[in-house]
Amino acid sequence: MDNYSVYQHGNTIRFECSFFDYDKTRVNPQLVKFIIYNTKYEIVLETILGESNKVGIGSYFFDYITGKEIKKYFYEWYGEIDGTPSLMRGQFATKFI
């Protein structure tokens, strides 16, 4: 069974992520992206994040305003730390509640 959060469409969702090195120390990636995919793994949204999305060392957020679609999506945090990718993925759905 899939485990994901369901949000009301037309609402704002705040996604948060922290990046760590191999020693479990928070680290700022050289590149941070937030990506949303549909169920066909097609990119719906891709944005590069900067200082305005940073809340601390290695910690970032992104506010996503859902559309009126009633769908399931996948999201991905992508960070490059010394040229090496670091990924975190999850899923969510929107519907009229």
N, C-alpha and C. Protein backbone atom coordinates (compact mmCIF):
# COMPACT_ATOMS: atom_id res chain seq x y z
N MET A 1 0.84 -1.18 0.00
CA MET A 1 0.00 0.00 0.00
C MET A 1 0.89 1.25 0.00
N ASP A 2 0.51 2.23 -0.81
CA ASP A 2 1.27 3.47 -0.88
C ASP A 2 1.07 4.30 0.38
N ASN A 3 2.12 4.97 0.79
CA ASN A 3 2.06 5.84 1.96
C ASN A 3 2.36 7.26 1.50
N TYR A 4 1.34 8.12 1.47
CA TYR A 4 1.54 9.49 1.03
C TYR A 4 0.50 10.39 1.67
N SER A 5 0.80 11.69 1.68
CA SER A 5 -0.11 12.68 2.25
C SER A 5 -1.09 13.15 1.18
N VAL A 6 -2.29 13.51 1.61
CA VAL A 6 -3.32 14.05 0.71
C VAL A 6 -3.61 15.47 1.15
N TYR A 7 -3.59 16.40 0.18
CA TYR A 7 -3.82 17.82 0.46
C TYR A 7 -5.02 18.32 -0.33
N GLN A 8 -5.66 19.34 0.18
CA GLN A 8 -6.77 19.98 -0.53
C GLN A 8 -6.22 20.71 -1.74
N HIS A 9 -6.88 20.53 -2.90
CA HIS A 9 -6.38 21.25 -4.06
C HIS A 9 -6.65 22.74 -3.89
N GLY A 10 -5.74 23.55 -4.43
CA GLY A 10 -5.82 24.99 -4.27
C GLY A 10 -5.12 25.50 -3.02
N ASN A 11 -4.46 24.61 -2.29
CA ASN A 11 -3.80 24.96 -1.04
C ASN A 11 -2.29 25.07 -1.27
N THR A 12 -1.58 25.59 -0.29
CA THR A 12 -0.12 25.68 -0.36
C THR A 12 0.49 24.60 0.53
N ILE A 13 1.43 23.87 -0.04
CA ILE A 13 2.15 22.82 0.69
C ILE A 13 3.58 23.29 0.88
N ARG A 14 4.09 23.21 2.09
CA ARG A 14 5.49 23.53 2.34
C ARG A 14 6.28 22.23 2.45
N PHE A 15 7.22 22.06 1.53
CA PHE A 15 8.12 20.92 1.54
C PHE A 15 9.43 21.37 2.17
N GLU A 16 10.04 20.49 2.97
CA GLU A 16 11.29 20.80 3.65
C GLU A 16 12.27 19.64 3.50
N CYS A 17 13.55 19.99 3.44
CA CYS A 17 14.58 18.95 3.30
C CYS A 17 15.89 19.45 3.89
N SER A 18 16.66 18.53 4.43
CA SER A 18 18.00 18.83 4.93
C SER A 18 18.98 17.89 4.24
N PHE A 19 20.15 18.43 3.91
CA PHE A 19 21.20 17.67 3.25
C PHE A 19 22.35 17.43 4.22
N PHE A 20 22.93 16.22 4.15
CA PHE A 20 24.01 15.82 5.04
C PHE A 20 25.15 15.21 4.23
N ASP A 21 26.36 15.30 4.77
CA ASP A 21 27.48 14.60 4.15
C ASP A 21 27.53 13.18 4.74
N TYR A 22 28.57 12.45 4.36
CA TYR A 22 28.67 11.06 4.82
C TYR A 22 28.94 10.93 6.31
N ASP A 23 29.35 12.02 6.94
CA ASP A 23 29.58 12.02 8.39
C ASP A 23 28.34 12.48 9.16
N LYS A 24 27.21 12.60 8.45
CA LYS A 24 25.92 13.02 9.04
C LYS A 24 25.95 14.47 9.54
N THR A 25 26.80 15.29 8.92
CA THR A 25 26.89 16.71 9.23
C THR A 25 26.12 17.48 8.16
N ARG A 26 25.29 18.43 8.59
CA ARG A 26 24.55 19.24 7.61
C ARG A 26 25.54 19.97 6.71
N VAL A 27 25.21 20.00 5.43
CA VAL A 27 26.08 20.63 4.45
C VAL A 27 25.24 21.34 3.40
N ASN A 28 25.73 22.48 2.92
CA ASN A 28 25.05 23.21 1.86
C ASN A 28 25.49 22.65 0.50
N PRO A 29 24.56 22.10 -0.27
CA PRO A 29 24.91 21.64 -1.61
C PRO A 29 25.26 22.83 -2.51
N GLN A 30 26.05 22.55 -3.54
CA GLN A 30 26.37 23.59 -4.51
C GLN A 30 25.17 23.89 -5.41
N LEU A 31 24.28 22.92 -5.57
CA LEU A 31 23.07 23.07 -6.38
C LEU A 31 21.92 22.38 -5.65
N VAL A 32 20.78 23.07 -5.53
CA VAL A 32 19.59 22.48 -4.91
C VAL A 32 18.42 22.70 -5.87
N LYS A 33 17.72 21.60 -6.19
CA LYS A 33 16.53 21.67 -7.03
C LYS A 33 15.36 21.02 -6.31
N PHE A 34 14.16 21.51 -6.62
CA PHE A 34 12.93 20.85 -6.19
C PHE A 34 12.18 20.52 -7.46
N ILE A 35 11.78 19.25 -7.59
CA ILE A 35 11.14 18.76 -8.82
C ILE A 35 9.86 18.03 -8.45
N ILE A 36 8.80 18.25 -9.24
CA ILE A 36 7.55 17.50 -9.10
C ILE A 36 7.29 16.76 -10.41
N TYR A 37 6.93 15.47 -10.27
CA TYR A 37 6.63 14.61 -11.41
C TYR A 37 5.17 14.16 -11.32
N ASN A 38 4.57 13.91 -12.49
CA ASN A 38 3.26 13.27 -12.49
C ASN A 38 3.46 11.76 -12.42
N THR A 39 2.38 11.00 -12.50
CA THR A 39 2.48 9.54 -12.36
C THR A 39 3.13 8.88 -13.56
N LYS A 40 3.34 9.63 -14.65
CA LYS A 40 4.07 9.11 -15.81
C LYS A 40 5.55 9.50 -15.74
N TYR A 41 5.96 10.04 -14.59
CA TYR A 41 7.33 10.49 -14.34
C TYR A 41 7.75 11.63 -15.27
N GLU A 42 6.78 12.41 -15.72
CA GLU A 42 7.05 13.61 -16.51
C GLU A 42 7.16 14.79 -15.54
N ILE A 43 8.11 15.67 -15.81
CA ILE A 43 8.32 16.82 -14.91
C ILE A 43 7.17 17.81 -15.05
N VAL A 44 6.54 18.11 -13.92
CA VAL A 44 5.47 19.10 -13.83
C VAL A 44 6.06 20.45 -13.43
N LEU A 45 7.07 20.41 -12.56
CA LEU A 45 7.71 21.61 -12.05
C LEU A 45 9.16 21.27 -11.73
N GLU A 46 10.07 22.16 -12.11
CA GLU A 46 11.47 22.01 -11.72
C GLU A 46 12.01 23.41 -11.46
N THR A 47 12.54 23.61 -10.27
CA THR A 47 13.05 24.92 -9.91
C THR A 47 14.35 24.78 -9.13
N ILE A 48 15.26 25.71 -9.40
CA ILE A 48 16.52 25.77 -8.66
C ILE A 48 16.31 26.70 -7.47
N LEU A 49 16.69 26.24 -6.30
CA LEU A 49 16.48 27.02 -5.09
C LEU A 49 17.74 27.78 -4.69
N GLY A 50 17.54 28.92 -4.07
CA GLY A 50 18.66 29.75 -3.64
C GLY A 50 18.56 30.12 -2.17
N GLU A 51 19.22 31.19 -1.82
CA GLU A 51 19.29 31.64 -0.43
C GLU A 51 17.91 31.95 0.15
N SER A 52 16.97 32.41 -0.67
CA SER A 52 15.64 32.75 -0.14
C SER A 52 14.86 31.51 0.30
N ASN A 53 15.30 30.33 -0.11
CA ASN A 53 14.66 29.07 0.30
C ASN A 53 15.46 28.34 1.37
N LYS A 54 16.50 28.96 1.87
CA LYS A 54 17.38 28.34 2.85
C LYS A 54 16.98 28.80 4.25
N VAL A 55 16.87 27.84 5.18
CA VAL A 55 16.50 28.19 6.55
C VAL A 55 17.64 27.96 7.53
N GLY A 56 18.70 27.36 7.07
CA GLY A 56 19.86 27.08 7.91
C GLY A 56 20.86 26.26 7.13
N ILE A 57 21.95 25.88 7.75
CA ILE A 57 22.96 25.09 7.06
C ILE A 57 22.33 23.79 6.56
N GLY A 58 22.33 23.61 5.25
CA GLY A 58 21.84 22.39 4.63
C GLY A 58 20.33 22.21 4.64
N SER A 59 19.56 23.18 5.15
CA SER A 59 18.11 23.04 5.26
C SER A 59 17.40 24.01 4.31
N TYR A 60 16.46 23.47 3.55
CA TYR A 60 15.76 24.25 2.53
C TYR A 60 14.26 23.96 2.59
N PHE A 61 13.48 24.88 2.02
CA PHE A 61 12.03 24.68 1.91
C PHE A 61 11.59 25.13 0.52
N PHE A 62 10.42 24.65 0.13
CA PHE A 62 9.78 25.12 -1.10
C PHE A 62 8.28 25.10 -0.87
N ASP A 63 7.61 26.21 -1.19
CA ASP A 63 6.15 26.30 -1.09
C ASP A 63 5.55 26.06 -2.46
N TYR A 64 4.70 25.04 -2.52
CA TYR A 64 4.04 24.65 -3.78
C TYR A 64 2.54 24.88 -3.65
N ILE A 65 1.99 25.64 -4.57
CA ILE A 65 0.55 25.89 -4.60
C ILE A 65 -0.07 24.87 -5.54
N THR A 66 -0.94 24.05 -5.00
CA THR A 66 -1.55 22.99 -5.80
C THR A 66 -2.57 23.57 -6.76
N GLY A 67 -2.73 22.91 -7.89
CA GLY A 67 -3.75 23.30 -8.85
C GLY A 67 -5.08 22.68 -8.47
N LYS A 68 -6.01 22.73 -9.39
CA LYS A 68 -7.33 22.16 -9.13
C LYS A 68 -7.44 20.71 -9.58
N GLU A 69 -6.33 20.16 -10.03
CA GLU A 69 -6.34 18.77 -10.45
C GLU A 69 -6.44 17.85 -9.24
N ILE A 70 -7.10 16.75 -9.42
CA ILE A 70 -7.18 15.73 -8.37
C ILE A 70 -6.28 14.60 -8.84
N LYS A 71 -5.05 14.63 -8.35
CA LYS A 71 -4.05 13.72 -8.87
C LYS A 71 -3.05 13.31 -7.79
N LYS A 72 -2.24 12.34 -8.15
CA LYS A 72 -1.12 11.90 -7.33
C LYS A 72 0.16 12.40 -8.00
N TYR A 73 1.12 12.83 -7.19
CA TYR A 73 2.38 13.37 -7.69
C TYR A 73 3.54 12.76 -6.91
N PHE A 74 4.72 12.87 -7.49
CA PHE A 74 5.97 12.52 -6.83
C PHE A 74 6.80 13.79 -6.73
N TYR A 75 7.53 13.95 -5.63
CA TYR A 75 8.43 15.09 -5.52
C TYR A 75 9.84 14.60 -5.25
N GLU A 76 10.79 15.44 -5.62
CA GLU A 76 12.19 15.08 -5.46
C GLU A 76 12.99 16.30 -5.02
N TRP A 77 13.77 16.11 -3.99
CA TRP A 77 14.79 17.07 -3.60
C TRP A 77 16.08 16.58 -4.22
N TYR A 78 16.75 17.46 -4.95
CA TYR A 78 18.01 17.10 -5.61
C TYR A 78 19.08 18.08 -5.15
N GLY A 79 20.16 17.56 -4.61
CA GLY A 79 21.27 18.40 -4.21
C GLY A 79 22.56 17.82 -4.74
N GLU A 80 23.48 18.69 -5.13
CA GLU A 80 24.81 18.24 -5.54
C GLU A 80 25.81 18.70 -4.50
N ILE A 81 26.47 17.72 -3.90
CA ILE A 81 27.46 17.97 -2.86
C ILE A 81 28.80 17.50 -3.41
N ASP A 82 29.68 18.45 -3.69
CA ASP A 82 30.98 18.16 -4.29
C ASP A 82 30.84 17.32 -5.57
N GLY A 83 29.84 17.66 -6.41
CA GLY A 83 29.63 16.99 -7.69
C GLY A 83 28.89 15.67 -7.59
N THR A 84 28.50 15.26 -6.40
CA THR A 84 27.80 13.99 -6.20
C THR A 84 26.34 14.25 -5.88
N PRO A 85 25.40 13.59 -6.58
CA PRO A 85 23.98 13.83 -6.31
C PRO A 85 23.53 13.24 -4.97
N SER A 86 22.62 13.95 -4.35
CA SER A 86 21.96 13.50 -3.13
C SER A 86 20.46 13.69 -3.36
N LEU A 87 19.69 12.61 -3.29
CA LEU A 87 18.26 12.65 -3.61
C LEU A 87 17.40 12.24 -2.43
N MET A 88 16.21 12.82 -2.39
CA MET A 88 15.18 12.40 -1.45
C MET A 88 13.86 12.53 -2.20
N ARG A 89 13.09 11.46 -2.24
CA ARG A 89 11.82 11.47 -2.97
C ARG A 89 10.66 11.09 -2.06
N GLY A 90 9.48 11.53 -2.46
CA GLY A 90 8.26 11.20 -1.76
C GLY A 90 7.09 11.37 -2.71
N GLN A 91 5.90 11.18 -2.18
CA GLN A 91 4.70 11.32 -3.01
C GLN A 91 3.61 12.00 -2.22
N PHE A 92 2.70 12.64 -2.96
CA PHE A 92 1.55 13.28 -2.36
C PHE A 92 0.41 13.28 -3.36
N ALA A 93 -0.77 13.58 -2.87
CA ALA A 93 -1.95 13.64 -3.75
C ALA A 93 -2.74 14.89 -3.39
N THR A 94 -3.50 15.37 -4.37
CA THR A 94 -4.41 16.49 -4.14
C THR A 94 -5.82 16.05 -4.51
N LYS A 95 -6.77 16.54 -3.74
CA LYS A 95 -8.17 16.25 -4.06
C LYS A 95 -9.06 17.25 -3.36
N PHE A 96 -10.30 17.31 -3.77
CA PHE A 96 -11.27 18.19 -3.13
C PHE A 96 -11.79 17.46 -1.89
N ILE A 97 -11.51 18.06 -0.72
CA ILE A 97 -11.92 17.43 0.54
C ILE A 97 -13.07 18.23 1.11
